[in-house]
Amino acid sequence: MTPFQEGYSFTSKFTGTLYSGLQAQGYITSINDEIQALSDNLNSFKGFNTGTAQLKGNAAEFWHAGTHNINSALEGSDIRATVLESNGFGSVDVHTSDGLDFGLKYYSSGADSANSQAVSYWQAYNEYIASMKRQGLEYPTINEYLSARNVPSNVLLSDPIYLEQIRVIPADQLEKAREALEKKIAKLMETRPDEVFRYQDTLDKLTDRIENSEGIESIPLSEEEAKNLASLAKEGAFDPDDYDLNTEALVEARHILDQALQAGLTAALITMVLKTAPEIFKSIDILIKGGQIDNEDFKRLGFAAATGASEGFLRGSIAASITAAGQAGLLGEAFKAVKPEVIGALTVITLETIKNAYLVANGKMTTGEMTDNLVRSVYVSSGALVLGGIGQSLLPSLPLVGYLIGSFVGSVVGGFAYTASYKTYISLAIENGYTYFGLVDQNYELPKEVLDSLGLELFKYEEFLAQNFEAFKFETISFEATAYAPTTIEMVTVRRGVIGVNSIGYRA
């Protein structure tokens, strides 16, 4: 192959593998970003003078939103929860991007938390005017009260003000809260049936965690744990590692396999497109010149697509799984720093070597050819990695494009470098008889054409030739003039040179 063909061949294999590695890296990065966001949000309360009893609710909001987002990233979902930090009337505490609203109440007991979630418009109004009376202030009418809070005047006053929200309370209070609501409902069924709805609605929507439409949840939090979080947050001392919020603890084998499958499918598509592109262009050229494409062209195109997709899937899934496991810390601290570009290149080289070793074992390739392919791959991949990084630095606004352009150019340069070095070490092998520890085969047999020119016949013991019976024939003697031919001496120059891949021998 020419250096350009070698460069394109490597790029067709490397591009899908690289993209798979970057995809896996992005997966781990998204998890770490959400862990960092939770840590930053909680530690942003550093220096607050608010007591832990009041701050625990705020800490719980960020905890539930943050742990939900960590789990969402872990499952590869795009749904995220946001703390709205609003203190308005009936305001939502946490909103998820799939359209769900959550209200959190972290009181000292299950009954108190449940009752606060079941407050109706009429109850809220009465509590407000009671406060105004204690202060000796004038208070508004119910309509004025609702209007000032942008609540429609036709709202049912017995409805809960958190009607459209899912109600979240401390995990350790959930059972007691449900018992309290059930007792309240049973009592009101006899005395105030019009009040039953708000408590029943609260009971139906009561939970201890955030859960989105895909079933991804936050981590439940008790009231005491919320206090501890608030205390740590005020000191700016929240550390996610203390709560096992890190990739080493969160990422499991099933997550790695899921990412490997997704990345493998992507790599298969990319590799198939790049591998079939030259065959498609070749077929178009044949069609333009000859007017038709024969069956062999279609077979060649189909074979390229099939092998490209299967090999691409294998390379992509392996590169993605190694990248994800390494950067998650599952392979040790040292592997966290290994870049997906390096893993991608090593994956391509390793799988090519394994395939070639199989061909050698089955007699379809020589050891020299396998070694030659390995050395060529190292040169080409080295060039791709070096110039890929340079391309990335020159085109920072186009992350993948810059790297791919640079890696393709680097692959071609690596091909030229290999060709030059190959000629150098083969020349030394010819002149000095070096074998490079068996990598070059030094053949000292004279070629058959030289032996034939010397008039030497070789005994081929491996061939058995049976003699044929021929009947005796009588032929008349004919006169033939003898032609005179002067005796000549033929000089044959034998020299050593390349007779095969990494093979040196005599040739005429």
Protein backbone atom coordinates (compact mmCIF):
# COMPACT_ATOMS: atom_id res chain seq x y z
CA MET A 1 0.00 0.00 0.00
CA THR A 2 1.05 3.57 -0.58
CA PRO A 3 1.53 5.82 2.49
CA PHE A 4 -1.77 7.52 1.64
CA GLN A 5 -3.60 4.20 1.51
CA GLU A 6 -2.00 3.14 4.79
CA GLY A 7 -3.06 6.42 6.37
CA TYR A 8 -6.64 6.08 5.18
CA SER A 9 -6.80 2.42 6.26
CA PHE A 10 -5.67 3.29 9.77
CA THR A 11 -7.99 6.30 9.94
CA SER A 12 -10.99 4.18 8.93
CA LYS A 13 -10.26 1.88 11.87
CA PHE A 14 -9.13 4.55 14.33
CA THR A 15 -11.92 7.10 13.85
CA GLY A 16 -14.74 4.92 15.14
CA THR A 17 -12.55 3.57 17.94
CA LEU A 18 -11.51 7.09 18.98
CA TYR A 19 -15.10 8.31 18.94
CA SER A 20 -16.09 5.37 21.15
CA GLY A 21 -13.36 6.24 23.64
CA LEU A 22 -14.39 9.89 23.70
CA GLN A 23 -18.00 8.83 24.17
CA ALA A 24 -17.00 6.73 27.19
CA GLN A 25 -14.85 9.58 28.52
CA GLY A 26 -17.81 11.95 28.18
CA TYR A 27 -19.96 9.49 30.13
CA ILE A 28 -17.57 9.41 33.10
CA THR A 29 -17.05 13.18 32.87
CA SER A 30 -20.80 13.80 33.08
CA ILE A 31 -20.99 11.79 36.31
CA ASN A 32 -18.04 13.63 37.84
CA ASP A 33 -19.55 16.97 36.78
CA GLU A 34 -22.78 16.21 38.63
CA ILE A 35 -20.88 15.09 41.73
CA GLN A 36 -18.90 18.32 41.65
CA ALA A 37 -22.08 20.37 41.15
CA LEU A 38 -23.65 18.84 44.26
CA SER A 39 -20.50 19.53 46.27
CA ASP A 40 -20.31 23.14 45.05
CA ASN A 41 -23.99 23.81 45.76
CA LEU A 42 -23.86 22.51 49.32
CA ASN A 43 -20.56 24.18 50.15
CA SER A 44 -21.91 27.48 48.80
CA PHE A 45 -23.66 27.84 52.19
CA LYS A 46 -20.29 28.32 53.86
CA GLY A 47 -20.42 31.18 56.34
CA PHE A 48 -24.24 31.33 56.55
CA ASN A 49 -25.56 32.32 59.95
CA THR A 50 -28.84 30.45 59.45
CA GLY A 51 -29.40 27.69 61.99
CA THR A 52 -29.18 24.08 60.90
CA ALA A 53 -32.86 23.57 61.72
CA GLN A 54 -33.79 26.14 59.09
CA LEU A 55 -30.97 25.35 56.63
CA LYS A 56 -31.66 21.60 56.56
CA GLY A 57 -34.52 22.14 54.10
CA ASN A 58 -32.24 23.95 51.65
CA ALA A 59 -29.59 21.27 52.04
CA ALA A 60 -32.20 18.59 51.37
CA GLU A 61 -33.28 20.32 48.16
CA PHE A 62 -29.76 20.35 46.74
CA TRP A 63 -29.13 16.81 47.96
CA HIS A 64 -32.19 15.38 46.22
CA ALA A 65 -31.63 17.34 43.01
CA GLY A 66 -27.90 16.56 43.01
CA THR A 67 -28.14 12.83 43.73
CA HIS A 68 -30.92 12.54 41.14
CA ASN A 69 -28.66 14.16 38.56
CA ILE A 70 -25.75 11.89 39.49
CA ASN A 71 -27.93 8.81 39.04
CA SER A 72 -29.36 10.24 35.82
CA ALA A 73 -25.85 10.71 34.42
CA LEU A 74 -24.96 7.23 35.64
CA GLU A 75 -27.85 5.75 33.66
CA GLY A 76 -27.01 7.80 30.59
CA SER A 77 -30.18 9.90 30.80
CA ASP A 78 -30.48 13.57 29.82
CA ILE A 79 -33.14 14.38 32.45
CA ARG A 80 -31.85 16.79 35.09
CA ALA A 81 -33.35 18.28 38.26
CA THR A 82 -33.01 21.95 39.19
CA VAL A 83 -33.44 23.64 42.57
CA LEU A 84 -35.56 26.73 41.88
CA GLU A 85 -34.68 28.46 45.17
CA SER A 86 -38.05 30.20 45.28
CA ASN A 87 -39.84 31.14 48.48
CA GLY A 88 -43.07 32.30 46.86
CA PHE A 89 -46.54 31.15 47.79
CA GLY A 90 -46.95 27.45 46.90
CA SER A 91 -43.69 27.61 44.96
CA VAL A 92 -41.97 24.55 43.53
CA ASP A 93 -38.71 23.55 45.21
CA VAL A 94 -37.27 21.19 42.58
CA HIS A 95 -38.20 20.90 38.89
CA THR A 96 -37.09 18.14 36.54
CA SER A 97 -36.55 18.68 32.82
CA ASP A 98 -39.22 16.07 32.01
CA GLY A 99 -41.84 18.39 33.54
CA LEU A 100 -42.26 17.11 37.11
CA ASP A 101 -42.48 19.42 40.14
CA PHE A 102 -41.51 18.55 43.70
CA GLY A 103 -42.07 20.26 47.04
CA LEU A 104 -39.91 19.38 50.04
CA LYS A 105 -40.82 19.71 53.71
CA TYR A 106 -38.29 18.67 56.37
CA TYR A 107 -40.02 19.16 59.74
CA SER A 108 -39.14 17.53 63.05
CA SER A 109 -41.81 14.79 62.88
CA GLY A 110 -43.65 12.77 60.27
CA ALA A 111 -47.02 14.25 61.22
CA ASP A 112 -45.70 17.82 60.98
CA SER A 113 -44.06 17.19 57.61
CA ALA A 114 -47.22 15.57 56.25
CA ASN A 115 -49.54 18.32 57.53
CA SER A 116 -47.35 21.03 56.04
CA GLN A 117 -47.63 19.30 52.67
CA ALA A 118 -51.45 19.22 52.96
CA VAL A 119 -52.02 22.94 53.69
CA SER A 120 -55.06 24.30 51.82
CA TYR A 121 -55.62 27.81 50.47
CA TRP A 122 -58.11 28.52 53.23
CA GLN A 123 -55.78 27.23 55.95
CA ALA A 124 -52.87 29.26 54.57
CA TYR A 125 -55.06 32.39 54.55
CA ASN A 126 -56.22 31.87 58.13
CA GLU A 127 -52.65 31.34 59.34
CA TYR A 128 -51.65 34.55 57.56
CA ILE A 129 -54.39 36.73 59.08
CA ALA A 130 -53.68 35.24 62.52
CA SER A 131 -50.11 36.46 62.15
CA MET A 132 -51.30 39.89 61.02
CA LYS A 133 -53.67 40.16 64.01
CA ARG A 134 -50.86 39.33 66.42
CA GLN A 135 -48.89 42.20 64.96
CA GLY A 136 -51.90 44.52 65.12
CA LEU A 137 -51.93 44.96 61.33
CA GLU A 138 -54.81 45.11 58.92
CA TYR A 139 -55.32 42.00 56.86
CA PRO A 140 -56.73 41.49 53.34
CA THR A 141 -59.85 39.66 52.30
CA ILE A 142 -59.47 36.14 50.93
CA ASN A 143 -59.82 37.43 47.35
CA GLU A 144 -57.20 40.12 47.94
CA TYR A 145 -54.94 37.53 49.51
CA LEU A 146 -55.24 35.16 46.52
CA SER A 147 -54.91 37.95 43.96
CA ALA A 148 -51.67 39.20 45.54
CA ARG A 149 -50.27 35.68 45.11
CA ASN A 150 -51.48 35.25 41.51
CA VAL A 151 -53.96 32.54 42.47
CA PRO A 152 -57.21 32.43 40.42
CA SER A 153 -60.22 33.58 42.41
CA ASN A 154 -62.24 30.52 41.35
CA VAL A 155 -59.84 28.08 43.02
CA LEU A 156 -61.34 25.68 45.55
CA LEU A 157 -60.27 26.98 48.94
CA SER A 158 -60.16 23.43 50.33
CA ASP A 159 -57.60 22.31 47.73
CA PRO A 160 -53.98 21.95 48.81
CA ILE A 161 -51.70 24.75 47.64
CA TYR A 162 -49.19 22.11 46.46
CA LEU A 163 -51.81 20.31 44.38
CA GLU A 164 -49.65 19.87 41.26
CA GLN A 165 -46.54 18.85 43.16
CA ILE A 166 -45.07 15.57 44.34
CA ARG A 167 -44.46 15.88 48.11
CA VAL A 168 -41.05 14.86 49.49
CA ILE A 169 -40.36 14.42 53.21
CA PRO A 170 -37.54 12.82 55.28
CA ALA A 171 -37.02 9.10 54.65
CA ASP A 172 -37.26 8.22 58.36
CA GLN A 173 -40.64 9.98 58.66
CA LEU A 174 -42.39 8.46 55.65
CA GLU A 175 -44.12 5.59 57.44
CA LYS A 176 -45.29 7.75 60.38
CA ALA A 177 -46.45 10.48 58.01
CA ARG A 178 -48.60 8.06 56.05
CA GLU A 179 -50.11 6.71 59.26
CA ALA A 180 -50.94 10.25 60.40
CA LEU A 181 -52.59 11.09 57.06
CA GLU A 182 -54.63 7.88 57.05
CA LYS A 183 -55.92 8.64 60.55
CA LYS A 184 -56.74 12.21 59.55
CA ILE A 185 -58.65 11.03 56.49
CA ALA A 186 -60.63 8.46 58.48
CA LYS A 187 -61.66 11.11 61.01
CA LEU A 188 -62.59 13.76 58.43
CA MET A 189 -64.71 11.29 56.47
CA GLU A 190 -67.22 11.54 59.30
CA THR A 191 -66.83 15.19 60.32
CA ARG A 192 -65.52 17.24 57.37
CA PRO A 193 -65.69 15.23 54.11
CA ASP A 194 -64.89 18.41 52.15
CA GLU A 195 -61.42 18.41 53.76
CA VAL A 196 -60.64 14.82 52.83
CA PHE A 197 -59.35 15.56 49.33
CA ARG A 198 -56.30 17.59 50.33
CA TYR A 199 -55.11 14.93 52.75
CA GLN A 200 -55.81 12.10 50.33
CA ASP A 201 -53.98 13.95 47.55
CA THR A 202 -51.03 14.45 49.87
CA LEU A 203 -51.02 10.77 50.84
CA ASP A 204 -51.12 9.68 47.20
CA LYS A 205 -48.17 11.92 46.27
CA LEU A 206 -46.09 11.50 49.41
CA THR A 207 -42.58 10.10 48.95
CA ASP A 208 -39.06 10.32 50.35
CA ARG A 209 -37.23 10.86 47.03
CA ILE A 210 -37.35 12.49 43.63
CA GLU A 211 -38.20 10.13 40.79
CA ASN A 212 -38.41 11.18 37.15
CA SER A 213 -40.47 9.74 34.30
CA GLU A 214 -37.72 7.19 33.50
CA GLY A 215 -37.69 5.81 37.04
CA ILE A 216 -34.36 7.42 37.99
CA GLU A 217 -34.37 8.46 41.64
CA SER A 218 -32.56 10.63 44.13
CA ILE A 219 -31.04 9.14 47.29
CA PRO A 220 -33.48 9.34 50.26
CA LEU A 221 -32.38 11.53 53.15
CA SER A 222 -33.45 11.40 56.80
CA GLU A 223 -34.15 14.48 58.91
CA GLU A 224 -31.01 13.91 61.00
CA GLU A 225 -28.90 13.46 57.85
CA ALA A 226 -30.31 16.72 56.51
CA LYS A 227 -29.19 18.47 59.69
CA ASN A 228 -25.68 17.01 59.31
CA LEU A 229 -25.56 18.15 55.69
CA ALA A 230 -26.59 21.64 56.72
CA SER A 231 -23.89 21.71 59.40
CA LEU A 232 -21.21 20.58 56.91
CA ALA A 233 -22.48 23.04 54.31
CA LYS A 234 -22.16 25.96 56.74
CA GLU A 235 -18.51 25.02 57.23
CA GLY A 236 -17.92 24.37 53.53
CA ALA A 237 -16.79 20.87 54.52
CA PHE A 238 -19.08 18.63 52.49
CA ASP A 239 -17.02 15.90 50.82
CA PRO A 240 -18.89 13.60 48.37
CA ASP A 241 -16.39 10.79 49.02
CA ASP A 242 -17.71 10.55 52.59
CA TYR A 243 -21.07 9.57 51.09
CA ASP A 244 -19.59 7.20 48.46
CA LEU A 245 -20.47 9.69 45.76
CA ASN A 246 -17.61 8.90 43.38
CA THR A 247 -17.22 6.89 40.19
CA GLU A 248 -15.32 4.10 41.95
CA ALA A 249 -18.37 3.36 44.11
CA LEU A 250 -21.13 4.26 41.64
CA VAL A 251 -20.03 2.83 38.29
CA GLU A 252 -20.83 -0.87 37.99
CA ALA A 253 -20.05 -3.53 35.39
CA ARG A 254 -23.51 -3.13 33.86
CA HIS A 255 -22.85 0.57 33.24
CA ILE A 256 -19.55 -0.25 31.52
CA LEU A 257 -21.19 -2.91 29.35
CA ASP A 258 -24.04 -0.58 28.42
CA GLN A 259 -21.60 2.12 27.36
CA ALA A 260 -19.52 -0.43 25.45
CA LEU A 261 -22.60 -1.58 23.54
CA GLN A 262 -23.68 1.94 22.62
CA ALA A 263 -20.16 2.98 21.65
CA GLY A 264 -19.65 -0.23 19.68
CA LEU A 265 -22.74 0.42 17.57
CA THR A 266 -21.57 3.96 16.86
CA ALA A 267 -18.09 2.75 15.94
CA ALA A 268 -19.57 0.07 13.66
CA LEU A 269 -21.50 2.69 11.71
CA ILE A 270 -18.54 5.07 11.41
CA THR A 271 -16.15 2.30 10.36
CA MET A 272 -18.59 0.89 7.82
CA VAL A 273 -19.05 4.31 6.20
CA LEU A 274 -15.30 5.01 6.04
CA LYS A 275 -14.42 1.53 4.80
CA THR A 276 -17.05 1.43 2.06
CA ALA A 277 -16.43 5.00 0.85
CA PRO A 278 -13.43 4.06 -1.38
CA GLU A 279 -15.36 1.12 -2.83
CA ILE A 280 -18.34 3.36 -3.57
CA PHE A 281 -16.15 5.93 -5.31
CA LYS A 282 -14.44 3.14 -7.22
CA SER A 283 -17.81 1.75 -8.34
CA ILE A 284 -18.96 5.21 -9.44
CA ASP A 285 -15.75 5.59 -11.46
CA ILE A 286 -16.31 2.18 -13.10
CA LEU A 287 -19.91 3.12 -13.84
CA ILE A 288 -18.87 6.38 -15.48
CA LYS A 289 -16.20 4.73 -17.60
CA GLY A 290 -17.87 1.45 -18.49
CA GLY A 291 -21.54 2.16 -18.08
CA GLN A 292 -22.23 -0.74 -15.73
CA ILE A 293 -21.08 -2.41 -12.54
CA ASP A 294 -20.61 -6.16 -12.42
CA ASN A 295 -21.51 -8.52 -9.59
CA GLU A 296 -17.95 -8.66 -8.28
CA ASP A 297 -18.06 -4.92 -7.54
CA PHE A 298 -21.22 -5.38 -5.49
CA LYS A 299 -19.71 -8.36 -3.67
CA ARG A 300 -16.62 -6.35 -2.83
CA LEU A 301 -18.74 -3.46 -1.55
CA GLY A 302 -20.89 -5.76 0.58
CA PHE A 303 -17.86 -7.51 2.04
CA ALA A 304 -16.28 -4.19 2.97
CA ALA A 305 -19.50 -3.10 4.69
CA ALA A 306 -19.89 -6.37 6.61
CA THR A 307 -16.30 -6.61 7.80
CA GLY A 308 -16.11 -2.88 8.53
CA ALA A 309 -19.21 -2.96 10.75
CA SER A 310 -18.24 -6.11 12.69
CA GLU A 311 -14.62 -5.08 13.26
CA GLY A 312 -15.68 -1.52 14.09
CA PHE A 313 -18.14 -2.76 16.71
CA LEU A 314 -15.48 -4.94 18.33
CA ARG A 315 -12.86 -2.19 18.41
CA GLY A 316 -15.31 0.46 19.60
CA SER A 317 -16.82 -1.62 22.40
CA ILE A 318 -13.40 -2.66 23.71
CA ALA A 319 -12.01 0.88 23.60
CA ALA A 320 -15.11 2.29 25.30
CA SER A 321 -15.12 -0.29 28.09
CA ILE A 322 -11.41 0.21 28.83
CA THR A 323 -11.76 4.01 28.75
CA ALA A 324 -14.83 4.05 30.99
CA ALA A 325 -13.39 1.57 33.49
CA GLY A 326 -10.02 3.35 33.54
CA GLN A 327 -11.32 6.88 33.99
CA ALA A 328 -13.85 5.72 36.57
CA GLY A 329 -10.94 4.45 38.66
CA LEU A 330 -11.94 0.79 38.44
CA LEU A 331 -8.53 -0.14 37.02
CA GLY A 332 -6.50 1.82 39.55
CA GLU A 333 -5.54 5.44 40.03
CA ALA A 334 -2.85 5.38 37.31
CA PHE A 335 -5.35 4.51 34.57
CA LYS A 336 -7.45 7.62 35.26
CA ALA A 337 -4.95 9.70 33.31
CA VAL A 338 -4.85 7.47 30.21
CA LYS A 339 -6.37 9.30 27.26
CA PRO A 340 -8.98 7.70 24.97
CA GLU A 341 -6.79 8.53 21.95
CA VAL A 342 -4.03 6.28 23.28
CA ILE A 343 -6.48 3.54 24.21
CA GLY A 344 -8.04 3.75 20.75
CA ALA A 345 -4.70 3.41 18.97
CA LEU A 346 -3.59 0.51 21.18
CA THR A 347 -6.94 -1.22 20.61
CA VAL A 348 -6.57 -0.98 16.84
CA ILE A 349 -2.96 -2.28 16.94
CA THR A 350 -3.76 -5.09 19.39
CA LEU A 351 -6.75 -6.42 17.47
CA GLU A 352 -4.86 -6.25 14.16
CA THR A 353 -2.00 -8.20 15.73
CA ILE A 354 -4.38 -10.81 17.12
CA LYS A 355 -5.99 -11.21 13.69
CA ASN A 356 -2.61 -11.51 11.99
CA ALA A 357 -1.40 -14.02 14.60
CA TYR A 358 -4.43 -16.16 13.78
CA LEU A 359 -3.54 -16.00 10.08
CA VAL A 360 0.05 -17.01 10.88
CA ALA A 361 -1.17 -19.96 12.95
CA ASN A 362 -3.28 -21.12 10.01
CA GLY A 363 -0.46 -20.70 7.49
CA LYS A 364 -2.10 -17.81 5.67
CA MET A 365 0.56 -15.28 6.67
CA THR A 366 4.25 -15.50 7.48
CA THR A 367 5.81 -14.33 10.72
CA GLY A 368 7.73 -11.70 8.77
CA GLU A 369 4.54 -10.30 7.28
CA MET A 370 2.91 -10.14 10.71
CA THR A 371 5.95 -8.35 12.16
CA ASP A 372 6.01 -5.96 9.23
CA ASN A 373 2.32 -5.11 9.74
CA LEU A 374 2.89 -4.54 13.46
CA VAL A 375 5.84 -2.19 12.93
CA ARG A 376 3.92 -0.33 10.22
CA SER A 377 0.93 0.07 12.56
CA VAL A 378 3.18 1.50 15.30
CA TYR A 379 4.63 4.09 12.91
CA VAL A 380 1.24 5.07 11.51
CA SER A 381 -0.50 5.22 14.90
CA SER A 382 2.36 7.26 16.42
CA GLY A 383 2.04 9.80 13.63
CA ALA A 384 -1.73 9.88 14.10
CA LEU A 385 -1.45 10.55 17.84
CA VAL A 386 1.18 13.28 17.51
CA LEU A 387 -0.39 15.22 14.66
CA GLY A 388 -3.87 14.54 16.03
CA GLY A 389 -2.93 16.50 19.14
CA ILE A 390 -1.49 19.30 17.01
CA GLY A 391 -4.65 19.40 14.89
CA GLN A 392 -6.73 19.65 18.04
CA SER A 393 -4.69 22.60 19.30
CA LEU A 394 -5.02 24.37 15.93
CA LEU A 395 -8.81 23.87 15.81
CA PRO A 396 -9.94 24.09 19.45
CA SER A 397 -13.47 25.09 18.46
CA LEU A 398 -13.86 21.82 16.52
CA PRO A 399 -12.71 19.21 19.05
CA LEU A 400 -13.20 15.95 17.17
CA VAL A 401 -12.79 17.38 13.67
CA GLY A 402 -9.43 18.97 14.47
CA TYR A 403 -8.12 15.76 15.96
CA LEU A 404 -9.35 13.59 13.08
CA ILE A 405 -7.83 15.83 10.43
CA GLY A 406 -4.53 15.86 12.29
CA SER A 407 -4.60 12.10 12.86
CA PHE A 408 -5.23 11.41 9.18
CA VAL A 409 -2.32 13.61 8.14
CA GLY A 410 -0.23 11.99 10.87
CA SER A 411 -1.15 8.53 9.59
CA VAL A 412 0.10 9.42 6.11
CA VAL A 413 3.29 10.93 7.54
CA GLY A 414 3.76 7.80 9.63
CA GLY A 415 3.40 5.73 6.47
CA PHE A 416 6.15 7.71 4.76
CA ALA A 417 8.36 7.43 7.85
CA TYR A 418 7.87 3.68 7.93
CA THR A 419 8.71 3.33 4.23
CA ALA A 420 11.93 5.31 4.71
CA SER A 421 12.99 3.35 7.79
CA TYR A 422 12.07 0.04 6.14
CA LYS A 423 14.36 0.77 3.21
CA THR A 424 17.15 1.67 5.62
CA TYR A 425 17.08 -1.44 7.77
CA ILE A 426 16.46 -3.76 4.81
CA SER A 427 19.52 -2.24 3.07
CA LEU A 428 21.60 -2.99 6.17
CA ALA A 429 20.24 -6.53 6.22
CA ILE A 430 21.20 -7.02 2.55
CA GLU A 431 24.70 -5.64 2.98
CA ASN A 432 25.59 -7.17 6.33
CA GLY A 433 23.37 -10.24 6.65
CA TYR A 434 21.56 -8.96 9.76
CA THR A 435 18.47 -10.89 10.83
CA TYR A 436 17.38 -8.44 13.55
CA PHE A 437 16.78 -11.27 16.01
CA GLY A 438 14.85 -13.31 13.48
CA LEU A 439 12.67 -10.52 12.09
CA VAL A 440 14.40 -10.74 8.69
CA ASP A 441 14.75 -14.08 6.93
CA GLN A 442 18.19 -14.49 5.31
CA ASN A 443 17.76 -17.04 2.50
CA TYR A 444 21.02 -18.33 0.97
CA GLU A 445 19.55 -20.67 -1.67
CA LEU A 446 20.18 -19.90 -5.34
CA PRO A 447 17.00 -19.07 -7.22
CA LYS A 448 15.66 -21.71 -9.64
CA GLU A 449 16.32 -19.60 -12.74
CA VAL A 450 20.01 -19.35 -11.83
CA LEU A 451 20.28 -23.11 -11.28
CA ASP A 452 18.54 -23.75 -14.61
CA SER A 453 20.98 -21.43 -16.38
CA LEU A 454 23.90 -23.45 -14.96
CA GLY A 455 22.44 -26.65 -16.38
CA LEU A 456 21.89 -28.17 -12.99
CA GLU A 457 18.95 -30.45 -12.47
CA LEU A 458 17.41 -30.75 -9.05
CA PHE A 459 16.12 -34.02 -7.79
CA LYS A 460 12.53 -33.56 -6.73
CA TYR A 461 12.11 -36.40 -4.35
CA GLU A 462 8.67 -35.37 -3.36
CA GLU A 463 7.30 -35.95 -6.87
CA PHE A 464 6.64 -39.43 -8.28
CA LEU A 465 6.50 -39.62 -12.06
CA ALA A 466 5.25 -42.91 -13.52
CA GLN A 467 6.82 -44.02 -16.84
CA ASN A 468 4.48 -44.30 -19.79
CA PHE A 469 4.70 -47.25 -22.20
CA GLU A 470 5.44 -46.20 -25.75
CA ALA A 471 5.29 -48.63 -28.70
CA PHE A 472 8.37 -48.91 -30.96
CA LYS A 473 7.96 -46.94 -34.16
CA PHE A 474 9.94 -47.33 -37.40
CA GLU A 475 11.04 -44.05 -38.88
CA THR A 476 12.97 -43.52 -42.07
CA ILE A 477 16.28 -41.76 -41.88
CA SER A 478 16.14 -38.27 -43.25
CA PHE A 479 19.06 -36.11 -44.18
CA GLU A 480 19.41 -32.92 -42.14
CA ALA A 481 22.15 -30.37 -42.63
CA THR A 482 24.11 -29.62 -39.50
CA ALA A 483 24.02 -25.95 -38.57
CA TYR A 484 27.16 -24.43 -37.17
CA ALA A 485 26.71 -22.54 -33.91
CA PRO A 486 29.69 -20.91 -32.26
CA THR A 487 30.21 -21.62 -28.55
CA THR A 488 29.20 -18.68 -26.34
CA ILE A 489 29.62 -17.98 -22.67
CA GLU A 490 26.59 -16.51 -20.83
CA MET A 491 27.35 -14.43 -17.75
CA VAL A 492 24.66 -14.35 -15.07
CA THR A 493 25.08 -11.83 -12.22
CA VAL A 494 23.60 -13.03 -8.95
CA ARG A 495 22.96 -10.45 -6.24
CA ARG A 496 21.16 -10.37 -2.92
CA GLY A 497 17.95 -8.45 -2.53
CA VAL A 498 14.39 -8.50 -1.22
CA ILE A 499 12.53 -11.64 -2.34
CA GLY A 500 9.56 -11.29 0.02
CA VAL A 501 8.25 -9.46 3.07
CA ASN A 502 11.22 -9.21 5.47
CA SER A 503 12.97 -11.90 3.40
CA ILE A 504 16.45 -11.48 1.81
CA GLY A 505 17.86 -13.87 -0.79
CA TYR A 506 19.71 -14.29 -4.09
CA ARG A 507 18.06 -13.21 -7.30
CA ALA A 508 19.32 -13.00 -10.88
